[in-house]
Protein backbone atom coordinates (compact mmCIF):
# COMPACT_ATOMS: atom_id res chain seq x y z
CA MET A 1 10.51 77.02 27.15
CA CYS A 2 9.27 80.43 28.20
CA GLY A 3 10.07 84.01 29.05
CA ILE A 4 10.15 84.87 32.74
CA GLY A 5 10.14 88.09 34.73
CA GLY A 6 9.13 89.73 37.96
CA TYR A 7 9.91 92.34 40.57
CA GLU A 8 9.69 93.05 44.27
CA GLY A 9 6.81 94.84 45.90
CA ARG A 10 3.22 95.54 45.04
CA ALA A 11 1.85 94.97 41.56
CA ASP A 12 2.51 97.74 39.06
CA HIS A 13 0.37 97.29 35.94
CA LEU A 14 2.66 99.35 33.71
CA ALA A 15 5.80 97.50 34.84
CA THR A 16 4.11 94.13 34.39
CA GLU A 17 2.86 94.92 30.89
CA ALA A 18 6.26 96.33 29.88
CA ILE A 19 8.03 93.14 30.94
CA ILE A 20 5.44 90.97 29.20
CA SER A 21 5.82 92.98 26.00
CA ALA A 22 9.60 92.49 26.04
CA ILE A 23 9.54 88.74 26.70
CA ALA A 24 6.43 87.96 24.61
CA PRO A 25 8.39 86.57 21.58
CA ARG A 26 9.94 84.00 23.93
CA GLY A 27 6.53 82.66 24.87
CA PRO A 28 3.84 83.29 22.23
CA ASP A 29 1.49 80.50 23.40
CA ALA A 30 0.27 81.88 26.75
CA ARG A 31 0.99 84.42 29.43
CA GLY A 32 0.46 84.47 33.17
CA THR A 33 1.07 86.69 36.18
CA LEU A 34 0.99 85.97 39.90
CA ASP A 35 0.77 88.47 42.74
CA ARG A 36 2.62 87.07 45.76
CA GLY A 37 2.27 90.21 47.84
CA SER A 38 5.95 90.89 48.39
CA CYS A 39 6.83 90.11 44.77
CA GLN A 40 5.32 89.64 41.34
CA LEU A 41 5.98 86.69 39.01
CA ILE A 42 5.47 86.79 35.23
CA ASN A 43 5.60 84.14 32.52
CA THR A 44 5.08 83.94 28.76
CA ARG A 45 4.89 80.33 27.64
CA LEU A 46 6.29 78.46 24.66
CA ALA A 47 4.57 75.09 25.06
CA ILE A 48 6.91 72.22 24.14
CA VAL A 49 6.49 69.57 26.85
CA ASP A 50 3.09 68.88 28.45
CA LEU A 51 0.95 71.11 26.25
CA SER A 52 -1.97 70.74 28.69
CA PRO A 53 -3.05 73.31 31.32
CA THR A 54 -1.04 71.39 33.95
CA GLY A 55 2.05 73.02 32.48
CA ALA A 56 0.73 76.59 32.81
CA GLN A 57 2.84 79.16 34.65
CA PRO A 58 3.52 80.76 37.07
CA MET A 59 2.98 77.53 38.99
CA THR A 60 2.10 77.34 42.68
CA SER A 61 2.40 74.44 45.13
CA SER A 62 -0.83 72.93 46.41
CA ASP A 63 -0.38 74.59 49.81
CA GLY A 64 0.44 77.97 48.25
CA ARG A 65 3.84 78.13 49.95
CA VAL A 66 6.06 78.07 46.85
CA ALA A 67 5.55 79.59 43.40
CA VAL A 68 7.80 79.35 40.36
CA THR A 69 8.22 80.94 36.96
CA TYR A 70 10.58 78.89 34.85
CA ASN A 71 12.27 78.96 31.45
CA GLY A 72 14.07 75.97 30.01
CA GLU A 73 14.07 72.23 29.53
CA ILE A 74 15.17 69.64 32.08
CA TYR A 75 16.34 66.37 30.54
CA ASN A 76 16.95 64.05 33.51
CA ILE A 77 13.24 63.71 34.21
CA LYS A 78 13.31 60.05 35.23
CA GLU A 79 16.12 60.67 37.68
CA LEU A 80 14.28 63.64 39.22
CA ARG A 81 11.03 61.70 39.57
CA GLU A 82 12.89 58.97 41.43
CA LEU A 83 14.51 61.59 43.65
CA LEU A 84 11.13 63.15 44.44
CA ALA A 85 9.61 59.75 45.14
CA ARG A 86 12.25 59.16 47.82
CA HIS A 87 11.05 62.40 49.42
CA GLY A 88 7.42 61.34 49.25
CA SER A 89 6.47 63.69 46.40
CA GLN A 90 4.43 62.74 43.34
CA PRO A 91 4.04 65.13 40.35
CA ARG A 92 0.51 65.61 39.02
CA GLY A 93 1.48 66.30 35.39
CA ARG A 94 4.35 65.83 32.92
CA SER A 95 5.75 69.34 33.09
CA ASP A 96 9.37 69.80 34.10
CA THR A 97 8.28 73.06 35.75
CA GLU A 98 6.49 70.99 38.36
CA LEU A 99 9.64 68.93 38.92
CA VAL A 100 11.58 72.12 39.67
CA LEU A 101 8.83 73.30 42.02
CA LEU A 102 8.58 70.03 43.94
CA GLY A 103 12.35 69.61 43.92
CA PHE A 104 12.78 72.97 45.62
CA MET A 105 10.18 72.08 48.23
CA ALA A 106 12.07 68.87 49.00
CA LEU A 107 15.70 70.04 48.74
CA ASP A 108 15.61 73.84 48.80
CA THR A 109 18.43 75.43 46.75
CA THR A 110 20.44 72.19 46.57
CA ILE A 111 17.96 71.08 43.87
CA PHE A 112 19.77 73.21 41.29
CA ALA A 113 22.81 70.93 41.26
CA HIS A 114 20.47 67.98 40.47
CA LEU A 115 18.93 69.64 37.40
CA ARG A 116 20.41 68.67 34.05
CA GLY A 117 19.44 70.75 31.08
CA MET A 118 19.04 74.45 30.43
CA PHE A 119 17.11 76.69 32.77
CA ALA A 120 16.51 80.09 34.26
CA VAL A 121 14.12 80.04 37.17
CA ALA A 122 12.64 82.34 39.80
CA ILE A 123 11.15 80.82 42.95
CA HIS A 124 9.28 82.59 45.73
CA ASP A 125 9.07 80.87 49.11
CA ARG A 126 6.32 82.53 51.12
CA ARG A 127 7.34 80.87 54.39
CA SER A 128 10.74 82.59 54.45
CA ASP A 129 9.77 85.39 52.06
CA ARG A 130 12.75 84.60 49.86
CA LEU A 131 12.94 85.26 46.13
CA ILE A 132 15.48 82.93 44.51
CA LEU A 133 16.89 83.15 40.97
CA ALA A 134 18.99 80.41 39.38
CA ARG A 135 20.71 79.93 36.02
CA ASP A 136 21.90 76.70 34.42
CA HIS A 137 25.42 75.32 34.74
CA LEU A 138 27.00 76.85 31.61
CA GLY A 139 24.68 79.78 30.86
CA ILE A 140 22.47 78.46 28.05
CA LYS A 141 19.43 80.43 29.19
CA PRO A 142 19.73 84.08 30.19
CA LEU A 143 18.58 85.75 33.37
CA TYR A 144 19.05 89.48 33.95
CA TYR A 145 18.36 91.51 37.07
CA SER A 146 18.82 94.93 38.61
CA THR A 147 19.21 96.10 42.19
CA HIS A 148 19.35 99.77 41.10
CA GLY A 149 15.82 100.78 42.02
CA ARG A 150 13.21 98.11 42.73
CA PHE A 151 14.65 94.63 42.42
CA CYS A 152 13.58 93.40 38.99
CA PHE A 153 14.48 90.40 36.82
CA ALA A 154 13.63 88.94 33.39
CA SER A 155 14.81 86.60 30.65
CA SER A 156 15.46 89.75 28.68
CA ALA A 157 17.59 92.71 29.72
CA THR A 158 15.17 94.82 27.71
CA GLY A 159 12.36 93.53 29.91
CA VAL A 160 14.14 94.81 33.01
CA ALA A 161 14.94 98.13 31.31
CA ARG A 162 11.39 98.73 30.06
CA ALA A 163 9.80 98.05 33.44
CA GLY A 164 10.41 101.66 34.40
CA ILE A 165 11.47 100.81 37.96
CA VAL A 166 15.28 100.51 37.63
CA ASP A 167 18.26 102.63 36.58
CA THR A 168 18.56 102.49 32.79
CA SER A 169 21.34 105.02 32.22
CA LEU A 170 23.82 103.81 29.63
CA SER A 171 27.32 102.64 30.53
CA HIS A 172 30.25 103.22 28.16
CA GLY A 173 32.47 100.59 29.81
CA PRO A 174 30.57 97.58 28.41
CA MET A 175 30.29 99.41 25.07
CA ARG A 176 34.06 99.67 24.97
CA ASP A 177 34.31 95.96 25.70
CA PHE A 178 31.79 95.25 22.96
CA VAL A 179 33.75 97.21 20.37
CA THR A 180 37.00 95.59 21.50
CA TYR A 181 35.85 91.97 21.43
CA ARG A 182 32.61 92.13 19.34
CA TYR A 183 30.60 91.08 22.40
CA VAL A 184 30.34 92.02 26.07
CA PRO A 185 32.55 89.43 27.81
CA SER A 186 31.30 90.19 31.31
CA ARG A 187 27.98 90.00 33.17
CA GLU A 188 27.33 93.65 32.37
CA THR A 189 24.93 95.11 29.83
CA PHE A 190 24.84 98.49 28.14
CA TRP A 191 22.43 99.60 30.90
CA ARG A 192 24.37 100.62 33.99
CA GLY A 193 22.00 99.03 36.50
CA ILE A 194 21.31 95.74 34.69
CA ARG A 195 23.53 92.64 34.71
CA SER A 196 23.17 88.91 34.20
CA LEU A 197 23.25 86.17 36.80
CA ALA A 198 26.40 84.10 36.32
CA PRO A 199 26.13 80.55 34.95
CA GLY A 200 26.04 77.89 37.65
CA HIS A 201 24.89 80.44 40.24
CA PHE A 202 21.77 81.18 42.21
CA LEU A 203 20.78 84.45 43.86
CA VAL A 204 18.83 84.74 47.09
CA ARG A 205 16.91 87.95 47.64
CA GLU A 206 15.88 88.33 51.28
CA ALA A 207 15.04 91.35 53.46
CA GLY A 208 16.06 93.72 50.66
CA ARG A 209 19.51 92.20 50.23
CA SER A 210 20.98 89.91 47.58
CA ARG A 211 23.60 87.22 47.82
CA GLU A 212 24.90 84.93 45.09
CA GLN A 213 26.20 81.40 45.51
CA VAL A 214 27.80 78.87 43.17
CA PHE A 215 26.17 75.47 42.70
CA TRP A 216 28.47 74.29 39.87
CA SER A 217 31.60 75.43 38.06
CA PRO A 218 33.66 73.85 35.25
CA PRO A 219 36.44 71.61 36.58
CA SER A 220 40.07 72.29 35.77
CA GLN A 221 41.73 70.34 33.00
CA ALA A 222 43.61 67.28 34.24
CA VAL A 223 47.33 67.60 33.55
CA GLY A 224 47.95 63.86 33.77
CA GLY A 225 44.57 62.69 32.51
CA ALA A 226 43.56 59.79 30.27
CA THR A 227 45.75 59.39 27.21
CA ASP A 228 44.17 56.62 25.10
CA LEU A 229 42.43 58.57 22.30
CA ASP A 230 40.44 55.66 20.86
CA GLU A 231 39.06 54.62 24.24
CA ALA A 232 38.25 58.21 25.20
CA ALA A 233 36.55 58.83 21.84
CA GLU A 234 34.38 55.74 22.24
CA ASP A 235 33.25 56.82 25.71
CA PHE A 236 32.75 60.40 24.55
CA GLY A 237 30.61 59.24 21.61
CA ALA A 238 28.43 57.07 23.85
CA LEU A 239 27.87 59.90 26.32
CA PHE A 240 27.15 62.41 23.57
CA SER A 241 24.63 60.08 21.91
CA GLU A 242 22.82 59.71 25.24
CA ILE A 243 22.73 63.49 25.68
CA VAL A 244 21.32 64.03 22.18
CA ARG A 245 18.68 61.37 22.87
CA GLU A 246 17.64 63.30 26.00
CA ASN A 247 17.55 66.53 23.99
CA LEU A 248 14.90 65.00 21.73
CA HIS A 249 12.33 65.01 24.57
CA ALA A 250 9.46 67.16 23.28
CA ASP A 251 5.80 67.01 22.33
CA VAL A 252 6.43 68.97 19.14
CA PRO A 253 8.58 68.21 16.04
CA MET A 254 12.07 69.68 15.77
CA ALA A 255 14.74 70.75 13.31
CA VAL A 256 18.56 70.81 13.15
CA LEU A 257 20.81 73.67 12.06
CA LEU A 258 23.19 71.80 9.78
CA SER A 259 26.46 73.25 8.56
CA GLY A 260 29.03 71.42 6.49
CA GLY A 261 31.12 70.58 9.56
CA VAL A 262 31.54 67.86 12.13
CA ASP A 263 29.72 69.48 15.08
CA SER A 264 26.21 69.74 13.67
CA GLY A 265 26.81 66.56 11.67
CA ALA A 266 27.42 64.69 14.92
CA VAL A 267 24.20 66.13 16.36
CA LEU A 268 22.21 64.99 13.32
CA ALA A 269 23.72 61.50 13.28
CA SER A 270 23.00 60.98 16.98
CA ALA A 271 19.45 62.30 16.63
CA VAL A 272 18.67 59.94 13.77
CA ARG A 273 20.18 56.97 15.61
CA ALA A 274 17.87 57.84 18.52
CA GLY A 275 14.84 57.55 16.24
CA ALA A 276 14.30 61.15 15.11
CA ARG A 277 14.02 62.37 11.52
CA PRO A 278 14.50 66.13 11.88
CA THR A 279 14.26 68.66 9.07
CA THR A 280 17.68 70.27 8.49
CA PHE A 281 18.36 73.93 7.68
CA THR A 282 21.53 75.28 6.05
CA TYR A 283 22.54 78.79 5.01
CA ALA A 284 24.07 79.42 1.59
CA MET A 285 26.76 82.11 1.48
CA ALA A 286 28.67 83.13 -1.61
CA GLY A 287 32.33 82.28 -1.21
CA HIS A 288 31.75 79.73 1.55
CA ASP A 289 29.79 76.73 0.31
CA GLU A 290 28.51 74.50 3.10
CA VAL A 291 25.38 73.51 1.21
CA THR A 292 26.91 70.63 -0.75
CA SER A 293 28.30 68.87 2.33
CA ALA A 294 25.21 69.60 4.44
CA ARG A 295 22.84 68.38 1.74
CA ALA A 296 24.82 65.14 1.46
CA SER A 297 24.61 64.59 5.22
CA ALA A 298 20.86 65.24 5.27
CA ALA A 299 20.30 62.88 2.32
CA ARG A 300 22.36 60.15 3.96
CA PHE A 301 20.06 60.17 6.97
CA GLY A 302 16.86 60.60 4.97
CA CYS A 303 16.07 64.08 6.27
CA GLU A 304 14.24 66.90 4.51
CA HIS A 305 16.76 69.66 3.77
CA VAL A 306 16.02 73.38 3.53
CA VAL A 307 18.51 75.95 2.17
CA ILE A 308 18.21 79.62 3.17
CA THR A 309 19.85 82.19 0.93
CA ASP A 310 21.61 85.53 1.33
CA PRO A 311 19.49 88.70 1.86
CA GLY A 312 21.05 90.38 -1.21
CA THR A 313 20.43 94.10 -1.40
CA ASP A 314 18.52 94.09 1.92
CA TYR A 315 21.70 93.51 3.95
CA GLU A 316 21.43 96.73 5.97
CA THR A 317 17.82 95.96 6.89
CA ALA A 318 18.74 92.38 7.78
CA LEU A 319 21.66 93.48 9.98
CA HIS A 320 19.53 96.07 11.77
CA ALA A 321 16.77 93.50 12.40
CA ALA A 322 19.26 91.04 13.90
CA VAL A 323 20.82 93.69 16.15
CA ALA A 324 17.41 95.01 17.24
CA SER A 325 16.42 91.53 18.43
CA MET A 326 19.32 91.40 20.89
CA ASP A 327 19.40 92.84 24.42
CA VAL A 328 23.18 92.60 24.49
CA PRO A 329 24.35 92.45 20.87
CA VAL A 330 27.08 90.53 19.13
CA GLY A 331 28.98 92.71 16.66
CA ASP A 332 29.68 90.18 13.96
CA SER A 333 28.19 89.95 10.46
CA ILE A 334 27.47 86.26 11.13
CA ILE A 335 24.35 87.33 13.05
CA VAL A 336 22.64 88.04 9.70
CA PRO A 337 22.67 84.46 8.38
CA THR A 338 21.98 83.08 11.86
CA HIS A 339 18.96 85.35 12.26
CA ARG A 340 17.62 84.45 8.83
CA LEU A 341 18.10 80.75 9.46
CA LEU A 342 16.14 80.92 12.69
CA ALA A 343 13.39 82.97 11.08
CA ALA A 344 12.92 80.14 8.59
CA VAL A 345 12.96 77.54 11.36
CA GLY A 346 10.42 79.54 13.34
CA ARG A 347 7.86 79.43 10.53
CA ARG A 348 7.59 75.65 10.95
CA PHE A 349 9.19 74.54 14.24
CA LYS A 350 9.42 75.42 17.91
CA VAL A 351 12.61 73.46 18.65
CA VAL A 352 15.96 73.30 16.85
CA LEU A 353 19.14 71.39 17.73
CA THR A 354 22.47 73.10 17.07
CA GLY A 355 26.18 72.28 17.31
CA GLU A 356 27.16 75.25 19.49
CA GLY A 357 29.68 74.58 22.25
CA ALA A 358 31.85 71.90 20.65
CA ASP A 359 34.70 74.27 19.85
CA GLU A 360 34.72 75.79 23.33
CA MET A 361 34.86 72.39 25.01
CA LEU A 362 37.25 70.63 22.61
CA GLY A 363 39.63 73.45 21.73
CA GLY A 364 38.44 73.80 18.15
CA TYR A 365 39.19 77.49 17.64
CA ALA A 366 42.06 78.55 15.44
CA HIS A 367 43.79 80.61 18.13
CA ILE A 368 44.16 77.75 20.65
CA ARG A 369 47.16 75.93 19.14
CA PRO A 370 49.09 79.10 18.20
CA LEU A 371 48.67 80.44 21.75
CA ILE A 372 49.91 77.16 23.21
CA HIS A 373 52.94 77.34 20.89
CA LEU A 374 53.50 80.95 22.01
CA GLY A 375 53.45 79.79 25.60
CA ARG A 376 56.21 77.35 24.83
CA LEU A 377 58.12 80.06 22.98
CA ALA A 378 57.87 82.33 26.02
CA ARG A 379 59.55 79.70 28.16
CA THR A 380 62.74 79.89 26.04
CA PRO A 381 65.31 82.67 26.61
CA PHE A 382 64.42 85.76 24.52
CA GLY A 383 61.87 83.63 22.66
CA ALA A 384 59.10 86.22 22.42
CA ARG A 385 61.44 89.02 21.33
CA LEU A 386 63.17 86.85 18.72
CA GLY A 387 59.88 85.49 17.39
CA ALA A 388 58.46 88.99 16.93
CA HIS A 389 61.67 90.09 15.18
CA ILE A 390 61.38 87.21 12.70
CA ALA A 391 57.64 87.76 12.12
CA ARG A 392 58.30 91.37 11.06
CA ARG A 393 60.45 90.11 8.19
CA LEU A 394 58.51 87.07 6.98
CA PRO A 395 56.69 87.37 3.63
CA ALA A 396 52.94 87.96 3.91
CA SER A 397 52.36 84.87 1.77
CA TRP A 398 54.11 82.68 4.38
CA LEU A 399 52.01 84.12 7.19
CA GLN A 400 48.83 83.78 5.11
CA LYS A 401 49.26 80.02 4.80
CA ARG A 402 49.41 79.67 8.58
CA ILE A 403 46.33 81.71 9.43
CA ALA A 404 43.14 79.65 9.65
CA TYR A 405 40.92 82.54 8.61
CA ASP A 406 39.78 84.07 5.35
CA MET A 407 41.98 87.13 5.67
CA ALA A 408 44.59 89.01 3.70
CA ILE A 409 47.76 89.96 5.59
CA GLY A 410 47.98 93.74 5.38
CA PRO A 411 49.83 96.22 7.62
CA GLU A 412 47.23 96.01 10.40
CA GLU A 413 47.16 92.24 10.40
CA ARG A 414 50.95 91.94 10.37
CA ALA A 415 51.22 94.41 13.26
CA ARG A 416 48.69 92.36 15.22
CA ILE A 417 50.62 89.11 14.60
CA VAL A 418 53.93 90.72 15.62
CA GLY A 419 52.34 92.23 18.73
CA LEU A 420 50.83 88.90 19.66
CA ILE A 421 54.17 87.10 19.42
CA ALA A 422 55.89 89.87 21.38
CA SER A 423 53.29 89.42 24.15
CA ALA A 424 53.98 85.69 24.55
CA ASP A 425 55.47 86.10 28.03
CA ASP A 426 52.31 87.92 29.26
CA ALA A 427 49.53 85.32 29.00
CA GLY A 428 46.70 87.73 29.70
CA LYS A 429 47.86 90.26 27.14
CA ALA A 430 48.41 87.54 24.54
CA VAL A 431 44.82 86.29 24.97
CA ARG A 432 43.51 89.84 24.66
CA MET A 433 45.56 90.34 21.49
CA ALA A 434 44.28 87.08 20.01
CA THR A 435 40.61 87.70 20.77
CA SER A 436 40.22 91.45 20.27
CA ILE A 437 39.79 93.45 17.08
CA PHE A 438 41.15 96.79 18.36
CA ASP A 439 44.45 97.49 20.06
CA GLU A 440 43.88 98.79 23.59
CA LYS A 441 44.81 102.38 22.75
CA MET A 442 42.77 102.53 19.53
CA VAL A 443 39.28 101.58 20.80
CA PRO A 444 36.88 104.34 19.67
CA VAL A 445 34.91 104.32 22.96
CA ARG A 446 36.62 106.24 25.75
CA VAL A 447 36.30 105.12 29.38
CA GLU A 448 38.53 105.93 32.34
CA ASP A 449 38.92 102.39 33.64
CA SER A 450 39.92 100.76 30.35
CA LEU A 451 43.13 99.15 31.60
CA GLN A 452 41.33 97.71 34.61
CA ARG A 453 38.61 96.29 32.36
CA ASP A 454 41.20 94.62 30.12
CA ALA A 455 42.88 93.07 33.14
CA GLN A 456 39.55 91.72 34.43
CA TYR A 457 38.89 90.00 31.10
CA THR A 458 41.95 87.79 31.50
CA GLU A 459 42.53 87.89 35.25
CA ARG A 460 42.39 84.08 35.49
CA VAL A 461 44.76 83.42 32.56
CA HIS A 462 48.24 82.91 33.97
CA ASP A 463 49.66 80.55 31.38
CA LEU A 464 49.09 79.85 27.69
CA ALA A 465 48.14 76.24 28.35
CA PHE A 466 45.19 74.23 27.02
CA GLY A 467 43.31 74.09 30.31
CA GLU A 468 43.52 77.81 31.03
CA LEU A 469 42.50 78.76 27.49
CA ILE A 470 39.50 76.42 27.64
CA GLY A 471 38.58 77.81 31.07
CA HIS A 472 38.71 81.36 29.69
CA GLY A 473 36.30 80.30 26.95
CA TYR A 474 33.87 78.83 29.49
CA ALA A 475 33.97 82.03 31.51
CA HIS A 476 33.54 84.53 28.68
CA TRP A 477 33.11 83.44 25.06
CA LEU A 478 30.71 80.54 25.57
CA PRO A 479 28.04 82.17 27.77
CA ASN A 480 28.39 85.76 26.61
CA GLN A 481 28.90 85.32 22.87
CA ILE A 482 27.96 81.86 21.57
CA LEU A 483 25.03 81.04 23.85
CA ARG A 484 23.80 84.62 24.21
CA LYS A 485 23.74 85.05 20.43
CA MET A 486 21.89 81.78 19.79
CA ASP A 487 19.37 82.35 22.58
CA GLN A 488 18.49 85.90 21.57
CA LEU A 489 18.25 85.26 17.83
CA SER A 490 16.24 82.05 18.24
CA MET A 491 13.85 83.33 20.88
CA SER A 492 13.06 86.41 18.82
CA TYR A 493 11.11 83.93 16.65
CA GLY A 494 9.78 81.78 19.51
CA VAL A 495 12.26 78.97 18.76
CA GLU A 496 13.95 76.96 21.51
CA ALA A 497 17.56 76.25 20.54
CA ARG A 498 18.93 73.13 22.21
CA VAL A 499 22.69 72.72 22.42
CA PRO A 500 23.67 69.11 23.24
CA PHE A 501 27.39 69.87 23.40
CA VAL A 502 26.77 72.33 26.25
CA ASP A 503 26.25 69.75 28.95
CA PRO A 504 28.12 69.66 32.27
CA ARG A 505 28.64 65.90 31.92
CA LEU A 506 30.58 66.41 28.68
CA VAL A 507 32.60 69.22 30.25
CA GLU A 508 33.45 67.02 33.22
CA PHE A 509 34.32 64.10 30.92
CA VAL A 510 36.64 66.18 28.75
CA SER A 511 38.36 67.64 31.80
CA ARG A 512 39.64 64.15 32.65
CA ILE A 513 41.40 63.76 29.27
CA SER A 514 45.04 64.73 28.92
CA PRO A 515 45.56 68.00 26.99
CA THR A 516 48.06 66.18 24.78
CA THR A 517 45.36 63.70 23.82
CA MET A 518 42.84 66.48 23.25
CA LEU A 519 45.27 68.09 20.80
CA ALA A 520 46.31 64.86 19.08
CA GLY A 521 46.91 64.95 15.34
CA PRO A 522 47.37 67.84 12.92
CA GLY A 523 43.70 68.88 12.94
CA ASP A 524 41.31 69.94 15.69
CA LYS A 525 38.74 68.23 17.93
CA ALA A 526 40.38 64.82 17.58
CA LEU A 527 38.12 63.38 20.28
CA LEU A 528 34.93 64.25 18.39
CA ARG A 529 36.29 63.38 14.95
CA ARG A 530 37.36 59.96 16.14
CA ALA A 531 33.99 59.45 17.86
CA VAL A 532 31.99 60.09 14.66
CA ALA A 533 34.36 58.35 12.25
CA ALA A 534 31.88 55.52 11.61
CA ASP A 535 29.25 58.00 10.40
CA PHE A 536 31.63 60.50 8.78
CA PRO A 537 34.96 58.87 7.84
CA GLN A 538 35.85 61.96 5.82
CA TRP A 539 36.02 63.94 9.08
CA ARG A 540 38.34 61.59 10.96
CA ALA A 541 41.07 64.18 10.49
CA GLY A 542 40.70 67.81 9.61
CA SER A 543 40.31 71.30 10.95
CA LYS A 544 37.43 73.53 11.91
CA ALA A 545 35.18 74.63 9.07
CA PRO A 546 33.82 77.77 10.75
CA PHE A 547 30.42 79.29 10.01
CA PHE A 548 31.68 82.71 8.95
CA GLN A 549 31.04 85.52 6.51
CA PRO A 550 33.72 85.40 3.76
CA MET A 551 35.50 88.64 2.90
CA THR A 552 34.18 88.72 -0.67
CA THR A 553 34.19 91.90 -2.73
CA ARG A 554 30.40 91.95 -2.51
CA HIS A 555 30.38 91.67 1.27
CA LEU A 556 33.02 94.38 1.73
CA ALA A 557 30.99 96.68 -0.54
CA ARG A 558 27.87 96.06 1.55
CA VAL A 559 29.67 96.80 4.81
CA SER A 560 31.12 99.98 3.28
CA SER A 561 27.63 101.07 2.28
CA VAL A 562 26.27 100.40 5.77
CA ALA A 563 29.22 102.30 7.28
CA ARG A 564 28.39 105.38 5.20
CA SER A 565 24.88 105.34 6.66
CA TRP A 566 25.64 104.46 10.27
CA LEU A 567 29.13 105.88 10.95
CA SER A 568 28.69 109.28 9.35
CA PRO A 569 29.62 112.40 11.35
CA ARG A 570 25.90 113.03 11.86
CA MET A 571 25.36 109.58 13.40
CA ILE A 572 28.45 109.92 15.60
CA ARG A 573 27.09 113.22 16.93
CA ARG A 574 23.61 111.76 17.37
CA PHE A 575 24.69 108.91 19.64
CA GLY A 576 27.72 110.58 21.25
CA VAL A 577 29.58 107.35 22.03
CA LEU A 578 32.29 106.94 19.37
CA GLU A 579 35.38 109.05 18.81
CA PRO A 580 35.27 110.43 15.24
CA GLU A 581 38.97 110.10 14.34
CA ARG A 582 39.36 106.49 15.48
CA THR A 583 36.08 105.57 13.84
CA ALA A 584 37.21 107.13 10.57
CA ALA A 585 40.48 105.20 10.81
CA ALA A 586 38.54 101.94 11.06
CA VAL A 587 36.44 102.86 8.01
CA ASP A 588 39.66 103.64 6.12
CA ARG A 589 41.01 100.17 6.97
CA LEU A 590 37.84 98.65 5.58
CA SER A 591 38.20 100.63 2.36
CA ARG A 592 41.64 99.04 1.92
CA GLY A 593 40.17 95.55 2.27
CA SER A 594 41.52 94.97 5.77
CA PHE A 595 40.22 91.87 7.56
CA LEU A 596 40.43 93.69 10.90
CA GLY A 597 38.82 96.76 9.33
CA GLU A 598 35.73 94.76 8.36
CA LYS A 599 35.43 93.35 11.90
CA GLN A 600 35.92 96.78 13.44
CA VAL A 601 33.42 98.58 11.24
CA THR A 602 30.78 95.89 11.65
CA ALA A 603 31.07 96.11 15.45
CA LEU A 604 30.83 99.92 15.38
CA VAL A 605 27.80 99.81 13.08
CA CYS A 606 26.12 97.23 15.31
CA LEU A 607 26.67 99.47 18.34
CA HIS A 608 24.95 102.39 16.62
CA MET A 609 22.13 100.15 15.39
CA TRP A 610 21.59 98.88 18.93
CA LEU A 611 21.46 102.42 20.30
CA ASP A 612 18.99 103.30 17.55
CA SER A 613 16.73 100.40 18.58
CA HIS A 614 17.03 100.45 22.37
CA SER A 615 17.92 103.91 23.66
């Protein structure tokens, strides 16, 4: 695991050092640069597999033709070695970097489809003078680049921005998206000239021009797929156990982020069955106790268990530190406990396994079933209009029981529920309503193309069906929120976060299961719960226990205090991005204890904190 970077043209000492400085936390063990004449390659190494000098980077082929700088872990090493042997190639060391290098020499860009794991890689082929960038199937590892100025790339958007050779003017469009959804759901960043390479894509830079190609994309959900839940769960469990076993490949010890839920519990159980005994880390939050369940799971498998506690009065400092560590931030208070957890892991470990990705793949989020029901409602005459009419008159207590979040139903929340139901016959709008925290006309960041941006977010959602909702998550939420958040927060402490659920084989397997089977039972993730029933019978049925920040009186008071500091008229004038009246309206909602108000204010504060740290 490493940080990578580079740029076209002759070596520029200042640009090189700026990129190294930005990606240094990703690779604290070593650094290397390579002048290829027409381009420069940079690497900062986090040594996890093959700690010897044979794993040093950038790495060059014996004939000097090909050079690579690589970030990630490849798990199908045996398969790749056999593939290389058939092409007459024999690796000298144990590094997976060398496998990528030799694989490219044997198969050119078709090698990317053969790689299984997480990776971001840059390859220079001197014979054709091509610079090639590639990113793993589902976007676990980041790779940013800019064509505005000298072509430049890095594991960190900040690395590209600091190089001093690209356009770094700020763009309000992605900021509007960030405030709307609490993350940037596209490939854009807050810097106008910097964007990310799409998951499952590679980019070829040749003769001053760039072209992108797809080497893998998530398959569509089978409408008439397998329907036997027990058989599917058994096969799913066997495949997942094999994937976790592969994820244990390392020359250093590792840890597990353990919540009180089924996802991380399944990771731990599979790791222990594969022979590991990882240390587990859990975060303790007032009002949301996962410690008891997590401690019991760790004790059952004989693992050391570490509990990390709330920052207390240092919340503002903790939130600012988490935001400052992110190139493209996530505007959710959950980044504070995640950041603190990973800081604790980083003091002892270089590798941590997490349960990210299970909800995206298995439909575990609370909005999935309601949206599917809305889709059915929309197919009945006047269904959406009648449903909205009824929702306006239902008691708040009745609505509260049917919302799978820690939220009070106030005027804003009721209006959002009614608006969502009324939008049932417009699938794209309904998804935007379900996943956003601001109504389209109330977002405090003004941009001219706002309606076009909203349409782009859901352009592929034509029906409120399981497959399309899962596909939307793969395209936006998974790479740009879940994986981006985990990568940035973990790598700020030199920790490699491995995510066994985010594996193309699991995605392909699940796509062959009938949506009806995937949604079997009253709870969520029936496939996973049935698969782990032998280890965790208490989770055979149930619903998602999300890792979230409860809306306690203490937390609301802390957010209000942070808002006074970071959303004051002086701060709004200083940064010049937010509209004062709409910002004040969000703060007023928070003061009334609004669930949406807390989300809105936290996102606005995070935006200002990011601008304070990066602009």
